[in-house]
Structures are given as C-alpha cells and as structure tokens.
Amino acid sequence: MTRTGLVARVLIDSPLPQLDHLFDYRIPEELVTLAFPGVRVRVPLRSAGRVADGYLIEVVGASPAAARPGTETAALDGVAPDYHGALSPLDSVVSEASVLTAEVWNLARRVADRAAGNAGDIIRLAVPPRQVRVEKAWLAAEAARAAPGAADPV
C-alpha cells in the first residue's frame, strides 16, 4: 500500500484568528512514512521564507485515484479538501510521537467555535510543550512494547 500523492491538512500553531483553519501541504516522498495525524510538523509560510509549527490534523489523497478504497487515508474532522494549484511541501515532521488525538482535536475545534476562540489556543492548553528527553524515552518504550517477542509485563 503506497502513501504517495497524499496531502497533509495542518493546523498552524498561532494565536492569529486568520490562521485558525486547516492549510493543505503536499507530503514529500521522504516524509511519507512519518506524516500521520496528530504529529507535530513544520510548514512553510508564504511570507519571507518563514516556517511555522503546527499539527498534522489529517492525511487525504490528492486525487480520486489516491483516495480510492484500499489506499491509506486518515481523517480526523471529516472535512473534504479543496485543491487549487500546486501545494507547498511539508518542511519537516518534528517528532514521530502522535500528540494530538482525534478526540482532542474535535473537542478543541468545538470549544473554540462555541467560545469564538482559536483552536490553536485550546490545543496549546491541552497538549503539553515538547520535551525531547521524555519523548525519546516514551518512543523507546513504545518500540520495545511493539517489538515481536516482547514479554507482557503482567
């Protein structure tokens, strides 16, 4: 199963209300194995070659052929993507750890909409800042747990 030709829908981590929506980015071939919903990403902004941090909210197919049954797509909020022209590629996946679950995203979006706020502000309160040492230990423990033949600690 291939994941090429996929598009990442990203919420940029910003308090600005005009950035409180999902932005579409092309997933480059080298990031295909790392780009999954809930991970922290870095994306380019149009102005002055800057990059911004954000959360990958969903991965969708860029074409009907990529979105056919049997291909791997993931949607957290069920919003259909709109594509007009070439998409900028994701700059990088900051971490392999998926820190934003579908439930937290949906709750943050509903709370922000109800309170006329910004989903990024709600997520900033719900998801702790990145701690590399803790994250590495957690990822190592997850890898050990998922390894074949790992003993069950029960």
Protein backbone atom coordinates (compact mmCIF):
# COMPACT_ATOMS: atom_id res chain seq x y z
CA MET A 1 0.00 0.00 0.00
CA THR A 2 1.52 3.30 -1.05
CA ARG A 3 1.03 6.70 0.51
CA THR A 4 2.45 8.81 -2.33
CA GLY A 5 0.41 11.71 -3.69
CA LEU A 6 -1.02 12.48 -0.27
CA VAL A 7 -1.87 15.85 1.20
CA ALA A 8 -1.45 16.90 4.82
CA ARG A 9 -4.07 19.17 6.36
CA VAL A 10 -2.27 21.19 9.03
CA LEU A 11 -3.42 23.50 11.82
CA ILE A 12 -0.73 26.14 12.30
CA ASP A 13 0.08 26.82 15.95
CA SER A 14 -0.70 30.54 16.04
CA PRO A 15 -2.90 32.84 18.12
CA LEU A 16 -3.89 34.80 14.99
CA PRO A 17 -7.58 34.26 14.15
CA GLN A 18 -6.92 34.50 10.40
CA LEU A 19 -4.76 31.34 10.68
CA ASP A 20 -7.44 29.34 12.54
CA HIS A 21 -8.22 26.91 9.74
CA LEU A 22 -6.57 23.93 8.09
CA PHE A 23 -3.87 24.52 5.47
CA ASP A 24 -3.06 21.95 2.78
CA TYR A 25 0.53 20.83 2.16
CA ARG A 26 1.97 18.17 -0.11
CA ILE A 27 3.70 15.32 1.74
CA PRO A 28 7.14 14.83 0.16
CA GLU A 29 8.32 11.28 -0.51
CA GLU A 30 10.93 11.38 2.27
CA LEU A 31 8.29 12.24 4.90
CA VAL A 32 5.58 9.80 3.79
CA THR A 33 6.48 7.22 6.46
CA LEU A 34 6.46 9.84 9.25
CA ALA A 35 3.45 12.01 8.38
CA PHE A 36 0.44 10.72 10.33
CA PRO A 37 -2.42 12.55 12.04
CA GLY A 38 -1.51 14.02 15.41
CA VAL A 39 2.22 14.60 14.86
CA ARG A 40 3.93 17.96 15.19
CA VAL A 41 5.12 19.38 11.86
CA ARG A 42 6.91 22.41 10.45
CA VAL A 43 5.40 24.05 7.39
CA PRO A 44 6.49 26.92 5.13
CA LEU A 45 4.61 30.20 5.14
CA ARG A 46 4.48 32.40 2.07
CA SER A 47 5.96 35.46 3.73
CA ALA A 48 9.74 35.90 3.84
CA GLY A 49 10.55 32.18 3.65
CA ARG A 50 9.43 31.59 7.23
CA VAL A 51 8.36 28.25 8.67
CA ALA A 52 5.71 27.69 11.33
CA ASP A 53 4.99 24.87 13.74
CA GLY A 54 1.69 23.07 13.55
CA TYR A 55 -0.19 19.82 13.97
CA LEU A 56 -0.98 17.42 11.17
CA ILE A 57 -4.75 17.02 11.51
CA GLU A 58 -5.48 14.66 8.64
CA VAL A 59 -3.95 12.99 5.61
CA VAL A 60 -6.03 12.82 2.44
CA GLY A 61 -5.49 11.73 -1.15
CA ALA A 62 -4.63 14.44 -3.64
CA SER A 63 -6.58 12.80 -6.44
CA PRO A 64 -9.55 10.45 -6.78
CA ALA A 65 -7.08 7.65 -7.66
CA ALA A 66 -5.20 8.21 -4.39
CA ALA A 67 -8.45 8.27 -2.39
CA ARG A 68 -9.92 5.03 -3.77
CA PRO A 69 -10.81 2.20 -1.37
CA GLY A 70 -7.77 0.28 -0.21
CA THR A 71 -5.45 3.27 -0.03
CA GLU A 72 -4.39 4.60 3.31
CA THR A 73 -6.06 7.86 4.25
CA ALA A 74 -6.91 9.21 7.64
CA ALA A 75 -9.42 11.90 8.52
CA LEU A 76 -9.96 13.47 11.90
CA ASP A 77 -12.60 16.05 11.19
CA GLY A 78 -14.28 14.79 8.03
CA VAL A 79 -13.72 17.99 6.03
CA ALA A 80 -13.29 17.48 2.30
CA PRO A 81 -10.10 19.12 0.94
CA ASP A 82 -10.04 21.82 -1.72
CA TYR A 83 -7.07 21.93 -4.09
CA HIS A 84 -6.30 24.81 -6.42
CA GLY A 85 -2.83 24.83 -7.96
CA ALA A 86 0.45 23.45 -6.65
CA LEU A 87 0.83 22.78 -2.94
CA SER A 88 3.91 23.63 -0.89
CA PRO A 89 5.57 20.60 0.70
CA LEU A 90 5.73 19.93 4.43
CA ASP A 91 9.06 21.24 5.71
CA SER A 92 9.58 18.52 8.34
CA VAL A 93 7.96 16.22 10.85
CA VAL A 94 9.17 17.48 14.23
CA SER A 95 8.52 14.24 16.07
CA GLU A 96 7.15 10.77 15.37
CA ALA A 97 5.07 10.93 18.55
CA SER A 98 1.39 11.48 17.81
CA VAL A 99 0.43 14.02 20.48
CA LEU A 100 -2.94 15.22 19.19
CA THR A 101 -5.71 12.62 19.13
CA ALA A 102 -8.86 12.89 17.04
CA GLU A 103 -10.93 13.34 20.20
CA VAL A 104 -8.79 16.24 21.48
CA TRP A 105 -8.83 17.91 18.05
CA ASN A 106 -12.61 17.63 17.72
CA LEU A 107 -13.13 18.92 21.26
CA ALA A 108 -10.72 21.83 20.72
CA ARG A 109 -12.47 22.78 17.49
CA ARG A 110 -15.92 22.67 19.13
CA VAL A 111 -14.79 24.66 22.19
CA ALA A 112 -13.09 27.28 20.01
CA ASP A 113 -16.17 27.62 17.78
CA ARG A 114 -18.53 27.87 20.75
CA ALA A 115 -16.41 30.44 22.58
CA ALA A 116 -15.48 32.36 19.42
CA GLY A 117 -11.86 31.47 20.08
CA ASN A 118 -8.94 29.93 18.31
CA ALA A 119 -8.43 26.13 18.13
CA GLY A 120 -4.67 26.67 18.38
CA ASP A 121 -5.10 28.32 21.78
CA ILE A 122 -7.20 25.41 23.05
CA ILE A 123 -4.72 22.84 21.74
CA ARG A 124 -1.83 24.75 23.33
CA LEU A 125 -3.57 24.23 26.68
CA ALA A 126 -4.42 20.56 26.01
CA VAL A 127 -1.10 19.36 24.55
CA PRO A 128 1.99 19.96 26.68
CA PRO A 129 5.08 21.58 25.15
CA ARG A 130 7.58 19.21 23.59
CA GLN A 131 10.14 17.71 25.98
CA VAL A 132 12.68 15.86 23.85
CA ARG A 133 14.13 13.67 26.62
CA VAL A 134 10.69 12.50 27.78
CA GLU A 135 9.57 12.00 24.18
CA LYS A 136 12.62 9.85 23.33
CA ALA A 137 12.05 7.67 26.41
CA TRP A 138 8.37 7.26 25.53
CA LEU A 139 9.14 6.38 21.89
CA ALA A 140 11.76 3.82 23.01
CA ALA A 141 9.26 2.24 25.42
CA GLU A 142 6.61 2.10 22.67
CA ALA A 143 9.08 0.48 20.26
CA ALA A 144 10.07 -2.10 22.88
CA ARG A 145 6.43 -2.86 23.60
CA ALA A 146 5.63 -3.28 19.89
CA ALA A 147 8.69 -5.47 19.20
CA PRO A 148 7.84 -9.10 18.39
CA GLY A 149 8.54 -11.42 21.27
CA ALA A 150 8.34 -8.66 23.87
CA ALA A 151 7.28 -10.07 27.19
CA ASP A 152 3.97 -8.89 28.61
CA PRO A 153 4.70 -7.17 31.96
CA VAL A 154 1.54 -8.62 33.56
